[in-house]
N, C-alpha and C. Protein backbone atom coordinates (compact mmCIF):
# COMPACT_ATOMS: atom_id res chain seq x y z
N UNK A 1 -20.71 33.16 48.13
CA UNK A 1 -20.17 31.93 48.65
C UNK A 1 -19.90 30.97 47.55
N UNK A 2 -18.75 30.44 47.36
CA UNK A 2 -18.39 29.52 46.35
C UNK A 2 -18.66 28.03 46.99
N UNK A 3 -19.54 27.26 46.39
CA UNK A 3 -19.85 25.94 46.83
C UNK A 3 -19.20 24.90 46.05
N UNK A 4 -18.48 25.17 45.02
CA UNK A 4 -17.77 24.18 44.11
C UNK A 4 -16.64 23.62 44.82
N UNK A 5 -16.47 22.28 44.65
CA UNK A 5 -15.34 21.63 45.38
C UNK A 5 -14.00 21.95 44.81
N UNK A 6 -13.07 22.11 45.74
CA UNK A 6 -11.80 22.49 45.13
C UNK A 6 -10.90 21.26 45.29
N UNK A 7 -10.13 21.04 44.25
CA UNK A 7 -9.14 19.95 44.27
C UNK A 7 -7.79 20.28 44.64
N UNK A 8 -7.16 19.52 45.41
CA UNK A 8 -5.81 19.83 45.75
C UNK A 8 -4.90 19.94 44.44
N UNK A 9 -3.89 20.53 44.48
CA UNK A 9 -3.00 20.75 43.33
C UNK A 9 -2.58 19.39 42.74
N UNK A 10 -2.33 18.47 43.50
CA UNK A 10 -1.77 17.19 42.94
C UNK A 10 -2.94 16.47 42.26
N UNK A 11 -4.23 16.57 42.72
CA UNK A 11 -5.37 16.01 41.99
C UNK A 11 -5.54 16.70 40.66
N UNK A 12 -5.41 18.01 40.65
CA UNK A 12 -5.60 18.76 39.43
C UNK A 12 -4.60 18.39 38.38
N UNK A 13 -3.35 18.23 38.79
CA UNK A 13 -2.42 17.84 37.82
C UNK A 13 -2.56 16.42 37.32
N UNK A 14 -3.03 15.55 38.24
CA UNK A 14 -3.40 14.12 37.75
C UNK A 14 -4.50 14.22 36.79
N UNK A 15 -5.48 15.00 37.04
CA UNK A 15 -6.63 15.19 36.09
C UNK A 15 -6.18 15.69 34.71
N UNK A 16 -5.27 16.63 34.76
CA UNK A 16 -4.81 17.20 33.49
C UNK A 16 -4.05 16.21 32.69
N UNK A 17 -3.15 15.41 33.52
CA UNK A 17 -2.40 14.24 32.84
C UNK A 17 -3.29 13.16 32.20
N UNK A 18 -4.37 12.91 32.87
CA UNK A 18 -5.37 11.89 32.35
C UNK A 18 -6.01 12.40 31.16
N UNK A 19 -6.34 13.65 31.20
CA UNK A 19 -7.00 14.33 29.96
C UNK A 19 -5.94 14.33 28.77
N UNK A 20 -4.72 14.67 29.05
CA UNK A 20 -3.73 14.62 27.96
C UNK A 20 -3.54 13.24 27.46
N UNK A 21 -3.47 12.20 28.36
CA UNK A 21 -3.37 10.84 27.84
C UNK A 21 -4.55 10.41 26.98
N UNK A 22 -5.72 10.80 27.41
CA UNK A 22 -6.96 10.55 26.73
C UNK A 22 -6.89 11.14 25.26
N UNK A 23 -6.54 12.40 25.19
CA UNK A 23 -6.44 13.04 23.99
C UNK A 23 -5.35 12.40 23.06
N UNK A 24 -4.28 12.03 23.60
CA UNK A 24 -3.18 11.33 22.84
C UNK A 24 -3.74 10.02 22.27
N UNK A 25 -4.44 9.27 23.11
CA UNK A 25 -4.97 7.95 22.73
C UNK A 25 -6.07 8.20 21.59
N UNK A 26 -6.82 9.13 21.75
CA UNK A 26 -7.87 9.43 20.75
C UNK A 26 -7.24 9.88 19.43
N UNK A 27 -6.22 10.69 19.49
CA UNK A 27 -5.43 11.14 18.22
C UNK A 27 -4.87 9.81 17.59
N UNK A 28 -4.19 8.98 18.36
CA UNK A 28 -3.52 7.80 17.80
C UNK A 28 -4.59 6.84 17.24
N UNK A 29 -5.70 6.70 17.93
CA UNK A 29 -6.71 5.83 17.44
C UNK A 29 -7.40 6.29 16.11
N UNK A 30 -7.61 7.58 16.07
CA UNK A 30 -8.13 8.10 14.77
C UNK A 30 -7.25 8.00 13.64
N UNK A 31 -5.97 8.28 13.84
CA UNK A 31 -5.01 8.05 12.80
C UNK A 31 -4.88 6.62 12.42
N UNK A 32 -4.80 5.71 13.33
CA UNK A 32 -4.74 4.30 13.07
C UNK A 32 -6.04 3.78 12.37
N UNK A 33 -7.15 4.24 12.77
CA UNK A 33 -8.36 3.88 12.06
C UNK A 33 -8.35 4.32 10.63
N UNK A 34 -8.04 5.57 10.36
CA UNK A 34 -7.89 6.00 8.94
C UNK A 34 -6.93 5.23 8.18
N UNK A 35 -5.77 4.91 8.74
CA UNK A 35 -4.79 4.23 8.10
C UNK A 35 -5.25 2.72 7.74
N UNK A 36 -5.78 2.07 8.70
CA UNK A 36 -6.18 0.71 8.45
C UNK A 36 -7.30 0.67 7.39
N UNK A 37 -8.19 1.62 7.37
CA UNK A 37 -9.25 1.69 6.44
C UNK A 37 -8.66 1.95 5.05
N UNK A 38 -7.79 2.87 5.02
CA UNK A 38 -7.21 3.20 3.64
C UNK A 38 -6.24 2.26 3.08
N UNK A 39 -5.58 1.47 3.97
CA UNK A 39 -4.62 0.44 3.45
C UNK A 39 -5.17 -0.53 2.54
N UNK A 40 -6.49 -0.91 2.73
CA UNK A 40 -7.15 -1.84 1.77
C UNK A 40 -7.10 -1.17 0.35
N UNK A 41 -7.40 0.04 0.28
CA UNK A 41 -7.52 0.76 -0.95
C UNK A 41 -6.13 0.96 -1.60
N UNK A 42 -5.14 1.33 -0.75
CA UNK A 42 -3.70 1.51 -1.23
C UNK A 42 -3.18 0.31 -1.79
N UNK A 43 -3.25 -0.84 -1.01
CA UNK A 43 -2.74 -2.17 -1.44
C UNK A 43 -3.45 -2.72 -2.75
N UNK A 44 -4.75 -2.46 -2.84
CA UNK A 44 -5.64 -2.91 -3.94
C UNK A 44 -5.14 -2.12 -5.15
N UNK A 45 -5.04 -0.81 -5.10
CA UNK A 45 -4.61 -0.01 -6.24
C UNK A 45 -3.25 -0.42 -6.75
N UNK A 46 -2.27 -0.57 -5.83
CA UNK A 46 -0.91 -0.97 -6.15
C UNK A 46 -0.98 -2.46 -6.77
N UNK A 47 -1.76 -3.29 -6.22
CA UNK A 47 -1.95 -4.61 -6.79
C UNK A 47 -2.39 -4.66 -8.25
N UNK A 48 -3.27 -3.73 -8.50
CA UNK A 48 -3.84 -3.56 -9.84
C UNK A 48 -2.77 -3.17 -10.89
N UNK A 49 -1.85 -2.37 -10.34
CA UNK A 49 -0.64 -2.04 -11.26
C UNK A 49 0.07 -3.33 -11.72
N UNK A 50 0.34 -4.23 -10.64
CA UNK A 50 1.10 -5.42 -10.91
C UNK A 50 0.38 -6.41 -11.69
N UNK A 51 -1.04 -6.38 -11.78
CA UNK A 51 -1.74 -7.30 -12.55
C UNK A 51 -2.71 -6.52 -13.45
N UNK A 52 -2.13 -5.57 -14.16
CA UNK A 52 -2.95 -4.61 -14.99
C UNK A 52 -3.83 -5.25 -15.93
N UNK A 53 -3.26 -6.16 -16.85
CA UNK A 53 -3.96 -6.82 -17.87
C UNK A 53 -5.11 -7.69 -17.36
N UNK A 54 -4.78 -8.50 -16.24
CA UNK A 54 -5.72 -9.41 -15.72
C UNK A 54 -6.92 -8.58 -15.07
N UNK A 55 -6.54 -7.47 -14.39
CA UNK A 55 -7.57 -6.66 -13.85
C UNK A 55 -8.61 -6.03 -14.91
N UNK A 56 -7.98 -5.53 -15.97
CA UNK A 56 -8.77 -4.83 -17.09
C UNK A 56 -9.63 -6.02 -17.63
N UNK A 57 -9.21 -7.23 -17.76
CA UNK A 57 -9.95 -8.33 -18.42
C UNK A 57 -11.12 -8.58 -17.43
N UNK A 58 -10.84 -8.69 -16.10
CA UNK A 58 -11.88 -8.97 -15.12
C UNK A 58 -12.98 -8.00 -15.19
N UNK A 59 -12.50 -6.65 -15.26
CA UNK A 59 -13.48 -5.53 -15.34
C UNK A 59 -14.36 -5.74 -16.59
N UNK A 60 -13.76 -6.01 -17.70
CA UNK A 60 -14.46 -6.17 -18.99
C UNK A 60 -15.46 -7.29 -18.90
N UNK A 61 -15.10 -8.39 -18.13
CA UNK A 61 -16.01 -9.60 -18.08
C UNK A 61 -17.26 -9.27 -17.29
N UNK A 62 -17.29 -8.13 -16.52
CA UNK A 62 -18.58 -7.78 -15.81
C UNK A 62 -19.16 -6.51 -16.49
N UNK A 63 -18.64 -6.08 -17.68
CA UNK A 63 -19.26 -5.05 -18.40
C UNK A 63 -18.69 -3.59 -18.14
N UNK A 64 -17.59 -3.62 -17.39
CA UNK A 64 -16.94 -2.36 -17.04
C UNK A 64 -15.71 -2.13 -17.99
N UNK A 65 -15.64 -1.07 -18.78
CA UNK A 65 -14.55 -0.97 -19.74
C UNK A 65 -13.25 -0.98 -19.06
N UNK A 66 -12.34 -1.69 -19.52
CA UNK A 66 -10.99 -1.76 -19.02
C UNK A 66 -10.17 -0.37 -19.10
N UNK A 67 -10.74 0.50 -19.97
CA UNK A 67 -10.05 1.76 -20.13
C UNK A 67 -10.34 2.62 -18.85
N UNK A 68 -11.16 2.22 -18.01
CA UNK A 68 -11.44 2.92 -16.74
C UNK A 68 -10.38 2.54 -15.57
N UNK A 69 -9.64 1.52 -15.88
CA UNK A 69 -8.69 1.03 -14.96
C UNK A 69 -7.68 2.11 -14.39
N UNK A 70 -7.06 2.94 -15.22
CA UNK A 70 -6.33 3.94 -14.64
C UNK A 70 -6.94 4.87 -13.71
N UNK A 71 -8.21 5.20 -13.94
CA UNK A 71 -9.02 6.09 -13.04
C UNK A 71 -9.27 5.28 -11.78
N UNK A 72 -9.56 3.97 -11.92
CA UNK A 72 -9.73 3.11 -10.61
C UNK A 72 -8.50 3.10 -9.79
N UNK A 73 -7.34 2.87 -10.35
CA UNK A 73 -6.04 2.87 -9.64
C UNK A 73 -5.89 4.25 -8.97
N UNK A 74 -6.07 5.29 -9.80
CA UNK A 74 -5.89 6.67 -9.09
C UNK A 74 -6.76 6.88 -7.97
N UNK A 75 -8.06 6.53 -8.11
CA UNK A 75 -9.02 6.68 -7.00
C UNK A 75 -8.50 5.95 -5.78
N UNK A 76 -8.13 4.68 -5.96
CA UNK A 76 -7.69 3.88 -4.83
C UNK A 76 -6.45 4.36 -4.19
N UNK A 77 -5.42 4.59 -4.99
CA UNK A 77 -4.14 4.96 -4.44
C UNK A 77 -4.13 6.45 -3.89
N UNK A 78 -4.55 7.34 -4.63
CA UNK A 78 -4.61 8.71 -4.19
C UNK A 78 -5.67 8.94 -3.06
N UNK A 79 -6.76 8.30 -3.20
CA UNK A 79 -7.82 8.40 -2.18
C UNK A 79 -7.35 7.91 -0.87
N UNK A 80 -6.63 6.72 -0.93
CA UNK A 80 -6.06 6.11 0.27
C UNK A 80 -5.02 7.01 0.98
N UNK A 81 -4.13 7.54 0.13
CA UNK A 81 -3.18 8.47 0.73
C UNK A 81 -3.83 9.73 1.30
N UNK A 82 -4.85 10.30 0.61
CA UNK A 82 -5.51 11.45 1.16
C UNK A 82 -6.22 11.14 2.58
N UNK A 83 -6.75 9.91 2.73
CA UNK A 83 -7.39 9.52 3.87
C UNK A 83 -6.37 9.34 5.00
N UNK A 84 -5.29 8.65 4.68
CA UNK A 84 -4.20 8.47 5.62
C UNK A 84 -3.59 9.72 6.14
N UNK A 85 -3.39 10.74 5.32
CA UNK A 85 -2.77 12.00 5.73
C UNK A 85 -3.93 12.98 6.09
N UNK A 86 -5.13 12.70 5.98
CA UNK A 86 -6.21 13.58 6.44
C UNK A 86 -6.37 14.81 5.62
N UNK A 87 -6.24 14.67 4.33
CA UNK A 87 -6.36 15.70 3.38
C UNK A 87 -7.70 15.79 2.69
N UNK A 88 -8.43 16.86 2.77
CA UNK A 88 -9.71 16.93 2.13
C UNK A 88 -10.58 15.73 2.51
N UNK A 89 -10.61 15.35 3.72
CA UNK A 89 -11.23 14.09 4.30
C UNK A 89 -12.73 13.96 3.92
N UNK A 90 -13.40 15.14 4.09
CA UNK A 90 -14.86 14.98 3.88
C UNK A 90 -15.22 14.62 2.41
N UNK A 91 -14.56 15.30 1.50
CA UNK A 91 -14.70 15.07 0.11
C UNK A 91 -14.20 13.70 -0.38
N UNK A 92 -13.01 13.32 -0.01
CA UNK A 92 -12.43 12.06 -0.36
C UNK A 92 -13.21 10.87 0.21
N UNK A 93 -13.57 11.03 1.45
CA UNK A 93 -14.37 9.89 2.12
C UNK A 93 -15.75 9.78 1.46
N UNK A 94 -16.37 10.85 1.03
CA UNK A 94 -17.59 10.73 0.23
C UNK A 94 -17.44 10.07 -1.04
N UNK A 95 -16.33 10.39 -1.73
CA UNK A 95 -16.01 9.70 -3.08
C UNK A 95 -15.73 8.22 -2.78
N UNK A 96 -14.93 7.93 -1.78
CA UNK A 96 -14.67 6.51 -1.56
C UNK A 96 -15.84 5.73 -0.98
N UNK A 97 -16.69 6.39 -0.31
CA UNK A 97 -17.96 5.62 0.05
C UNK A 97 -18.78 5.29 -1.10
N UNK A 98 -18.94 6.20 -2.06
CA UNK A 98 -19.63 5.91 -3.27
C UNK A 98 -18.89 4.86 -4.14
N UNK A 99 -17.62 4.93 -4.24
CA UNK A 99 -16.92 3.97 -5.00
C UNK A 99 -17.08 2.61 -4.35
N UNK A 100 -17.06 2.47 -3.04
CA UNK A 100 -17.27 1.17 -2.35
C UNK A 100 -18.62 0.63 -2.73
N UNK A 101 -19.69 1.45 -2.64
CA UNK A 101 -21.04 1.03 -2.92
C UNK A 101 -21.17 0.56 -4.40
N UNK A 102 -20.64 1.40 -5.20
CA UNK A 102 -20.61 1.05 -6.69
C UNK A 102 -19.86 -0.26 -6.96
N UNK A 103 -18.69 -0.40 -6.38
CA UNK A 103 -18.00 -1.70 -6.58
C UNK A 103 -18.79 -2.90 -5.97
N UNK A 104 -19.37 -2.76 -4.85
CA UNK A 104 -20.27 -3.81 -4.33
C UNK A 104 -21.32 -4.20 -5.31
N UNK A 105 -22.04 -3.23 -5.80
CA UNK A 105 -23.22 -3.49 -6.76
C UNK A 105 -22.75 -4.02 -8.10
N UNK A 106 -21.62 -3.61 -8.54
CA UNK A 106 -21.07 -4.06 -9.88
C UNK A 106 -20.30 -5.48 -9.83
N UNK A 107 -19.50 -5.71 -8.93
CA UNK A 107 -18.66 -6.86 -8.79
C UNK A 107 -19.07 -7.89 -7.92
N UNK A 108 -19.90 -7.63 -6.87
CA UNK A 108 -20.28 -8.59 -5.87
C UNK A 108 -21.69 -8.71 -5.66
N UNK A 109 -22.43 -8.89 -6.75
CA UNK A 109 -23.90 -8.97 -6.68
C UNK A 109 -24.48 -10.34 -6.88
N UNK A 110 -23.74 -11.41 -6.85
CA UNK A 110 -24.17 -12.73 -6.98
C UNK A 110 -24.26 -13.29 -5.51
N UNK A 111 -25.55 -13.01 -4.90
CA UNK A 111 -25.73 -13.50 -3.58
C UNK A 111 -25.92 -15.04 -3.41
N UNK A 112 -26.07 -15.70 -4.53
CA UNK A 112 -25.96 -17.20 -4.51
C UNK A 112 -24.72 -17.74 -3.98
N UNK A 113 -23.70 -16.97 -4.33
CA UNK A 113 -22.31 -17.36 -3.90
C UNK A 113 -22.01 -16.55 -2.54
N UNK A 114 -21.78 -17.40 -1.56
CA UNK A 114 -21.57 -16.87 -0.15
C UNK A 114 -20.52 -15.87 -0.11
N UNK A 115 -19.36 -16.23 -0.79
CA UNK A 115 -18.14 -15.39 -0.79
C UNK A 115 -18.52 -14.10 -1.43
N UNK A 116 -19.17 -14.06 -2.54
CA UNK A 116 -19.63 -12.75 -3.13
C UNK A 116 -20.48 -11.85 -2.27
N UNK A 117 -21.39 -12.62 -1.58
CA UNK A 117 -22.27 -11.90 -0.65
C UNK A 117 -21.54 -11.25 0.55
N UNK A 118 -20.46 -11.96 1.05
CA UNK A 118 -19.69 -11.39 2.12
C UNK A 118 -18.87 -10.29 1.48
N UNK A 119 -18.34 -10.39 0.27
CA UNK A 119 -17.64 -9.26 -0.28
C UNK A 119 -18.56 -8.11 -0.44
N UNK A 120 -19.74 -8.40 -0.85
CA UNK A 120 -20.70 -7.27 -0.99
C UNK A 120 -20.85 -6.48 0.31
N UNK A 121 -21.18 -7.20 1.42
CA UNK A 121 -21.37 -6.58 2.60
C UNK A 121 -20.12 -5.97 3.21
N UNK A 122 -18.97 -6.47 2.92
CA UNK A 122 -17.69 -5.89 3.34
C UNK A 122 -17.68 -4.51 2.66
N UNK A 123 -17.91 -4.39 1.39
CA UNK A 123 -17.81 -3.13 0.70
C UNK A 123 -18.86 -2.12 1.31
N UNK A 124 -20.04 -2.65 1.56
CA UNK A 124 -21.09 -1.69 2.18
C UNK A 124 -20.57 -1.23 3.56
N UNK A 125 -19.98 -2.13 4.30
CA UNK A 125 -19.48 -1.71 5.65
C UNK A 125 -18.34 -0.74 5.49
N UNK A 126 -17.47 -0.95 4.54
CA UNK A 126 -16.46 0.09 4.37
C UNK A 126 -17.01 1.45 3.94
N UNK A 127 -18.08 1.45 3.21
CA UNK A 127 -18.80 2.72 2.85
C UNK A 127 -19.27 3.40 4.12
N UNK A 128 -19.84 2.55 4.99
CA UNK A 128 -20.28 3.14 6.32
C UNK A 128 -19.18 3.73 7.08
N UNK A 129 -18.00 3.11 7.02
CA UNK A 129 -16.81 3.71 7.75
C UNK A 129 -16.43 5.04 7.11
N UNK A 130 -16.48 5.13 5.79
CA UNK A 130 -16.19 6.42 5.17
C UNK A 130 -17.18 7.40 5.48
N UNK A 131 -18.47 7.06 5.64
CA UNK A 131 -19.48 7.95 5.92
C UNK A 131 -19.18 8.58 7.41
N UNK A 132 -18.68 7.77 8.26
CA UNK A 132 -18.34 8.31 9.61
C UNK A 132 -17.24 9.39 9.47
N UNK A 133 -16.26 9.06 8.53
CA UNK A 133 -15.31 10.16 8.35
C UNK A 133 -15.88 11.39 7.74
N UNK A 134 -16.89 11.22 6.82
CA UNK A 134 -17.50 12.36 6.26
C UNK A 134 -18.06 13.30 7.37
N UNK A 135 -18.77 12.68 8.36
CA UNK A 135 -19.41 13.39 9.41
C UNK A 135 -18.40 13.97 10.42
N UNK A 136 -17.50 13.10 10.97
CA UNK A 136 -16.56 13.46 12.01
C UNK A 136 -15.27 14.05 11.55
N UNK A 137 -14.86 13.92 10.21
CA UNK A 137 -13.60 14.39 9.77
C UNK A 137 -12.43 13.56 10.21
N UNK A 138 -11.20 14.00 9.95
CA UNK A 138 -10.03 13.21 10.16
C UNK A 138 -9.45 13.35 11.58
N UNK A 139 -9.82 14.29 12.23
CA UNK A 139 -9.37 14.49 13.54
C UNK A 139 -8.21 15.42 13.65
N UNK A 140 -7.58 15.66 14.90
CA UNK A 140 -6.60 16.61 14.96
C UNK A 140 -5.20 16.28 14.33
N UNK A 141 -4.97 14.96 14.13
CA UNK A 141 -3.65 14.56 13.51
C UNK A 141 -3.93 14.48 12.04
N UNK A 142 -4.07 15.55 11.32
CA UNK A 142 -4.43 15.47 9.90
C UNK A 142 -3.92 16.84 9.27
N UNK A 143 -3.89 16.81 7.96
CA UNK A 143 -3.64 18.02 7.23
C UNK A 143 -4.76 18.99 7.27
N UNK A 144 -5.95 18.37 7.35
CA UNK A 144 -7.19 19.23 7.47
C UNK A 144 -7.23 20.03 8.75
N UNK A 145 -6.78 19.37 9.78
CA UNK A 145 -6.71 20.08 11.09
C UNK A 145 -5.67 21.23 11.05
N UNK A 146 -4.48 20.86 10.47
CA UNK A 146 -3.47 21.88 10.37
C UNK A 146 -3.87 23.05 9.54
N UNK A 147 -4.59 22.79 8.51
CA UNK A 147 -5.01 23.80 7.50
C UNK A 147 -5.99 24.72 8.21
N UNK A 148 -6.82 24.21 9.07
CA UNK A 148 -7.86 24.91 9.78
C UNK A 148 -7.32 25.88 10.80
N UNK A 149 -6.05 25.74 11.26
CA UNK A 149 -5.43 26.60 12.22
C UNK A 149 -5.04 27.90 11.64
């Protein structure tokens, strides 16, 4: 004897429709979240190209060789694009989380200055968001998901 409730056909199709909408919303939200997170790095990297000498001088003023600037730009721009497209997300998100923490410790360590303290915690929070990507991945709308099929 089957005691499970049976749904009328119209209820079943409504349930399937709700599930599809929820999945579409989840996919859109994951893609939007990755894009918003990565845009900060993409714009920052591109901005460094436009202010190359000033950025190199700022880096040197805190003891970071300006010769590292091309690597910083590559990490920001290429890392951002990889996150947006969901390519090698676990690895890239790990690298960008570390980059964010290192940047916080190097450039925003003057807690007597409230702005610097806020910038420090902003970078630490961004590292936390990247760690969530490390654990959960990019989601179904990504190169990683397509490659897994």
